[in-house]
């Protein structure tokens, strides 16, 4: 069973292969997304993050999930030498570069707790896989050409891993940080042990520019595929095992 929605300004989809799945099982994922959006949406004036940015909510009043996400953001900032940073140029806080992967990963946990073994969960191209697809094979995920998003330039096969892509080609400049002055990178796709790890590091690696591929190469558990502004692709040494 597959259900697709457009929420939070993005396309979302969940597909569960297990024959015991019911619509309400997948609806639980979308209900979870709604709850998280109420907390972290920078577009909703009454979300917790919006209230924090207005000064209406003080640090000692942060909710449990906000504290958890802020702690993970701080950890990621340290691991990436400041390339991952949730403080925008206007001074406001925006943890979106981590929240999407985190919530997809949590949504996958909802399905796992229900006993499902084969599924994928996707938000706008960032995906968590588990088990096998309807052809009883690993899930086939396409990496898009950043200069022509209707074209797939590489297909990876995942079963249990997560993948996330970061770039400015669809939404304009929405990534900031130490290295965002470097416009030599068009897109970064990261495969990690789960989509949370893939997503948070994809954001930082994009900001790193050309040296980002070296960070991925050295970081245990990550593989990367980077396309530069000339269209040249570079992959890490272990990326081929997913092809």
Protein backbone atom coordinates (compact mmCIF):
# COMPACT_ATOMS: atom_id res chain seq x y z
CA UNK A 1 0.00 0.00 0.00
CA UNK A 2 1.30 3.41 -0.97
CA UNK A 3 -0.07 6.78 0.09
CA UNK A 4 1.20 10.13 -1.20
CA UNK A 5 0.41 13.56 0.21
CA UNK A 6 1.51 17.16 -0.16
CA UNK A 7 2.15 18.59 3.30
CA UNK A 8 4.47 21.17 4.83
CA UNK A 9 5.03 22.52 1.32
CA UNK A 10 6.61 19.24 0.19
CA UNK A 11 5.63 15.93 -1.43
CA UNK A 12 5.48 13.04 1.03
CA UNK A 13 5.02 9.34 0.43
CA UNK A 14 4.93 6.10 2.38
CA UNK A 15 4.84 2.63 0.86
CA UNK A 16 4.49 -0.54 2.92
CA UNK A 17 4.88 -3.92 1.21
CA UNK A 18 3.72 -6.10 4.11
CA UNK A 19 0.30 -7.56 3.25
CA UNK A 20 -1.06 -6.91 6.75
CA UNK A 21 -0.82 -3.13 6.38
CA UNK A 22 -3.99 -1.06 6.71
CA UNK A 23 -4.57 2.55 5.73
CA UNK A 24 -4.69 3.62 9.37
CA UNK A 25 -1.14 2.33 9.85
CA UNK A 26 0.19 4.74 7.25
CA UNK A 27 -2.10 7.51 8.47
CA UNK A 28 -0.25 7.29 11.80
CA UNK A 29 2.85 8.55 9.98
CA UNK A 30 1.06 11.58 8.55
CA UNK A 31 -0.49 12.34 11.94
CA UNK A 32 3.00 12.33 13.43
CA UNK A 33 4.20 14.70 10.70
CA UNK A 34 1.38 17.11 11.55
CA UNK A 35 2.41 17.17 15.19
CA UNK A 36 6.06 17.83 14.37
CA UNK A 37 5.12 20.55 11.88
CA UNK A 38 3.22 22.35 14.65
CA UNK A 39 6.46 22.46 16.64
CA UNK A 40 9.16 23.13 14.04
CA UNK A 41 7.55 24.93 11.11
CA UNK A 42 9.16 28.32 10.56
CA UNK A 43 6.13 29.24 8.42
CA UNK A 44 3.53 28.75 11.16
CA UNK A 45 3.37 31.79 13.44
CA UNK A 46 2.19 29.70 16.39
CA UNK A 47 4.78 26.93 16.11
CA UNK A 48 7.20 26.58 18.98
CA UNK A 49 10.21 27.54 16.85
CA UNK A 50 8.42 30.72 15.69
CA UNK A 51 7.62 31.61 19.28
CA UNK A 52 11.26 31.02 20.23
CA UNK A 53 12.43 33.31 17.45
CA UNK A 54 10.04 36.02 18.64
CA UNK A 55 11.24 35.65 22.20
CA UNK A 56 7.86 34.39 23.39
CA UNK A 57 9.33 31.10 24.60
CA UNK A 58 12.50 31.10 26.70
CA UNK A 59 15.09 28.29 26.91
CA UNK A 60 13.75 27.02 30.25
CA UNK A 61 10.33 26.68 28.56
CA UNK A 62 11.43 24.59 25.56
CA UNK A 63 9.46 21.39 24.95
CA UNK A 64 11.06 17.96 25.13
CA UNK A 65 11.36 17.54 21.36
CA UNK A 66 12.78 21.04 20.88
CA UNK A 67 15.45 20.34 23.49
CA UNK A 68 16.26 17.04 21.80
CA UNK A 69 16.59 18.60 18.35
CA UNK A 70 18.64 21.56 19.58
CA UNK A 71 21.04 19.15 21.31
CA UNK A 72 21.44 17.14 18.10
CA UNK A 73 21.99 20.33 16.11
CA UNK A 74 24.72 21.43 18.50
CA UNK A 75 26.38 18.02 18.25
CA UNK A 76 26.25 18.17 14.44
CA UNK A 77 27.74 21.67 14.45
CA UNK A 78 30.71 20.40 16.47
CA UNK A 79 31.17 17.31 14.29
CA UNK A 80 31.26 19.46 11.15
CA UNK A 81 33.48 22.25 12.51
CA UNK A 82 30.63 24.74 12.32
CA UNK A 83 29.50 23.98 8.77
CA UNK A 84 26.14 22.86 10.12
CA UNK A 85 24.58 25.88 11.79
CA UNK A 86 20.89 26.48 12.52
CA UNK A 87 21.32 30.22 13.02
CA UNK A 88 20.27 32.01 9.85
CA UNK A 89 21.90 35.20 8.57
CA UNK A 90 18.99 37.16 10.05
CA UNK A 91 19.78 35.73 13.49
CA UNK A 92 16.75 33.46 13.72
CA UNK A 93 17.01 29.74 14.48
CA UNK A 94 15.97 27.20 11.85
CA UNK A 95 16.73 23.51 12.54
CA UNK A 96 15.09 22.36 9.30
CA UNK A 97 18.40 20.96 8.02
CA UNK A 98 18.18 18.27 10.69
CA UNK A 99 14.47 18.01 11.49
CA UNK A 100 13.42 16.50 8.15
CA UNK A 101 15.72 13.49 8.40
CA UNK A 102 14.98 13.11 12.10
CA UNK A 103 11.22 13.04 11.55
CA UNK A 104 11.47 10.61 8.61
CA UNK A 105 13.59 8.32 10.75
CA UNK A 106 11.08 8.57 13.60
CA UNK A 107 8.23 7.85 11.18
CA UNK A 108 10.04 4.69 10.09
CA UNK A 109 10.24 3.67 13.74
CA UNK A 110 6.45 3.98 13.98
CA UNK A 111 6.10 1.43 11.18
CA UNK A 112 8.74 -0.86 12.67
CA UNK A 113 6.94 -0.84 16.03
CA UNK A 114 3.79 -1.92 14.19
CA UNK A 115 5.73 -4.97 12.99
CA UNK A 116 6.25 -4.02 9.35
CA UNK A 117 9.44 -5.18 7.71
CA UNK A 118 9.44 -3.82 4.15
CA UNK A 119 8.70 -0.17 3.46
CA UNK A 120 10.08 3.22 2.61
CA UNK A 121 9.27 6.66 3.98
CA UNK A 122 10.03 9.77 1.91
CA UNK A 123 9.82 13.52 2.24
CA UNK A 124 10.91 15.50 -0.82
CA UNK A 125 13.56 13.01 -1.93
CA UNK A 126 14.98 12.19 1.49
CA UNK A 127 14.22 8.53 2.13
CA UNK A 128 14.42 5.84 4.79
CA UNK A 129 14.26 2.28 3.46
CA UNK A 130 13.64 -1.00 5.21
CA UNK A 131 13.50 -4.51 3.84
CA UNK A 132 12.60 -5.10 0.19
CA UNK A 133 10.31 -3.68 -2.49
CA UNK A 134 7.39 -5.38 -4.25
CA UNK A 135 9.81 -7.15 -6.59
CA UNK A 136 11.53 -8.67 -3.55
CA UNK A 137 14.65 -6.64 -4.23
CA UNK A 138 16.40 -3.75 -2.51
CA UNK A 139 14.67 -0.40 -2.95
CA UNK A 140 15.86 1.45 -6.07
CA UNK A 141 16.35 5.17 -5.41
CA UNK A 142 17.16 7.68 -8.14
CA UNK A 143 19.53 10.62 -7.74
CA UNK A 144 18.35 13.54 -9.88
CA UNK A 145 20.38 15.71 -12.18
CA UNK A 146 20.52 19.11 -10.39
CA UNK A 147 20.49 20.86 -13.80
CA UNK A 148 17.52 18.87 -15.11
CA UNK A 149 15.50 17.39 -12.27
CA UNK A 150 13.41 15.25 -14.61
CA UNK A 151 16.55 13.22 -15.35
CA UNK A 152 17.94 10.49 -13.09
CA UNK A 153 21.74 10.35 -13.19
CA UNK A 154 22.33 7.48 -10.79
CA UNK A 155 20.27 4.71 -9.19
CA UNK A 156 21.23 3.27 -5.82
CA UNK A 157 19.89 0.11 -4.16
CA UNK A 158 19.13 0.41 -0.46
CA UNK A 159 17.72 -1.91 2.18
CA UNK A 160 17.72 -0.41 5.64
CA UNK A 161 19.79 2.67 4.81
CA UNK A 162 18.72 6.27 4.41
CA UNK A 163 19.57 8.75 1.66
CA UNK A 164 19.33 12.54 1.59
CA UNK A 165 20.20 15.12 -1.04
CA UNK A 166 21.08 18.74 -0.42
CA UNK A 167 21.36 21.55 -2.95
CA UNK A 168 20.02 24.95 -3.94
CA UNK A 169 18.75 24.00 -7.39
CA UNK A 170 15.06 23.60 -6.46
CA UNK A 171 14.38 25.97 -3.58
CA UNK A 172 17.02 28.61 -4.17
CA UNK A 173 19.55 29.52 -1.48
CA UNK A 174 18.27 27.91 1.71
CA UNK A 175 21.56 26.61 3.10
CA UNK A 176 23.84 28.88 5.04
CA UNK A 177 26.99 28.41 7.10
CA UNK A 178 30.74 28.70 6.98
CA UNK A 179 31.12 27.52 3.39
CA UNK A 180 28.05 28.72 1.58
CA UNK A 181 30.03 31.31 -0.39
CA UNK A 182 31.39 28.35 -2.39
CA UNK A 183 29.00 27.92 -5.33
CA UNK A 184 31.04 25.16 -6.97
CA UNK A 185 28.76 22.36 -5.74
CA UNK A 186 25.33 21.76 -7.29
CA UNK A 187 24.13 18.84 -5.18
CA UNK A 188 25.24 16.41 -2.50
CA UNK A 189 23.64 12.99 -1.95
CA UNK A 190 24.58 11.13 1.22
CA UNK A 191 23.81 7.52 2.10
CA UNK A 192 23.94 6.77 5.80
CA UNK A 193 22.91 4.05 8.25
CA UNK A 194 19.63 5.95 8.52
CA UNK A 195 18.11 9.05 6.95
CA UNK A 196 18.75 11.17 10.05
CA UNK A 197 22.50 10.72 9.68
CA UNK A 198 22.31 11.17 5.91
CA UNK A 199 20.24 14.36 6.09
CA UNK A 200 22.14 16.25 8.78
CA UNK A 201 25.48 15.62 7.10
CA UNK A 202 24.20 16.31 3.57
CA UNK A 203 23.36 19.84 4.70
CA UNK A 204 26.82 20.40 6.18
CA UNK A 205 28.71 18.74 3.31
CA UNK A 206 26.97 20.99 0.79
CA UNK A 207 28.12 24.01 2.78
CA UNK A 208 31.68 22.66 2.78
CA UNK A 209 31.89 22.95 -1.00
CA UNK A 210 34.57 21.01 -2.86
CA UNK A 211 36.23 19.65 0.27
CA UNK A 212 32.97 18.10 1.44
CA UNK A 213 33.68 14.82 -0.36
CA UNK A 214 36.80 14.38 1.80
CA UNK A 215 34.72 14.79 4.96
CA UNK A 216 32.32 12.06 3.79
CA UNK A 217 35.19 9.78 2.81
CA UNK A 218 36.63 9.95 6.31
CA UNK A 219 33.36 9.74 8.25
CA UNK A 220 32.54 6.16 9.16
CA UNK A 221 29.17 4.94 7.92
CA UNK A 222 28.64 7.58 5.26
CA UNK A 223 28.99 7.42 1.48
CA UNK A 224 28.52 10.37 -0.85
CA UNK A 225 27.86 11.39 -4.44
CA UNK A 226 28.61 15.02 -5.25
CA UNK A 227 27.85 16.87 -8.47
CA UNK A 228 29.75 20.10 -9.03
CA UNK A 229 28.68 23.22 -10.93
CA UNK A 230 30.18 21.88 -14.16
CA UNK A 231 28.17 18.64 -13.94
CA UNK A 232 31.11 16.48 -12.90
CA UNK A 233 30.26 13.78 -10.36
CA UNK A 234 32.56 12.48 -7.62
CA UNK A 235 31.75 9.58 -5.32
CA UNK A 236 33.33 8.18 -2.20
CA UNK A 237 35.28 4.94 -2.37
CA UNK A 238 32.49 2.83 -0.87
CA UNK A 239 29.59 4.31 -2.82
CA UNK A 240 29.73 1.68 -5.56
CA UNK A 241 28.45 -1.06 -3.23
CA UNK A 242 25.03 0.60 -3.48
CA UNK A 243 24.96 0.65 -7.29
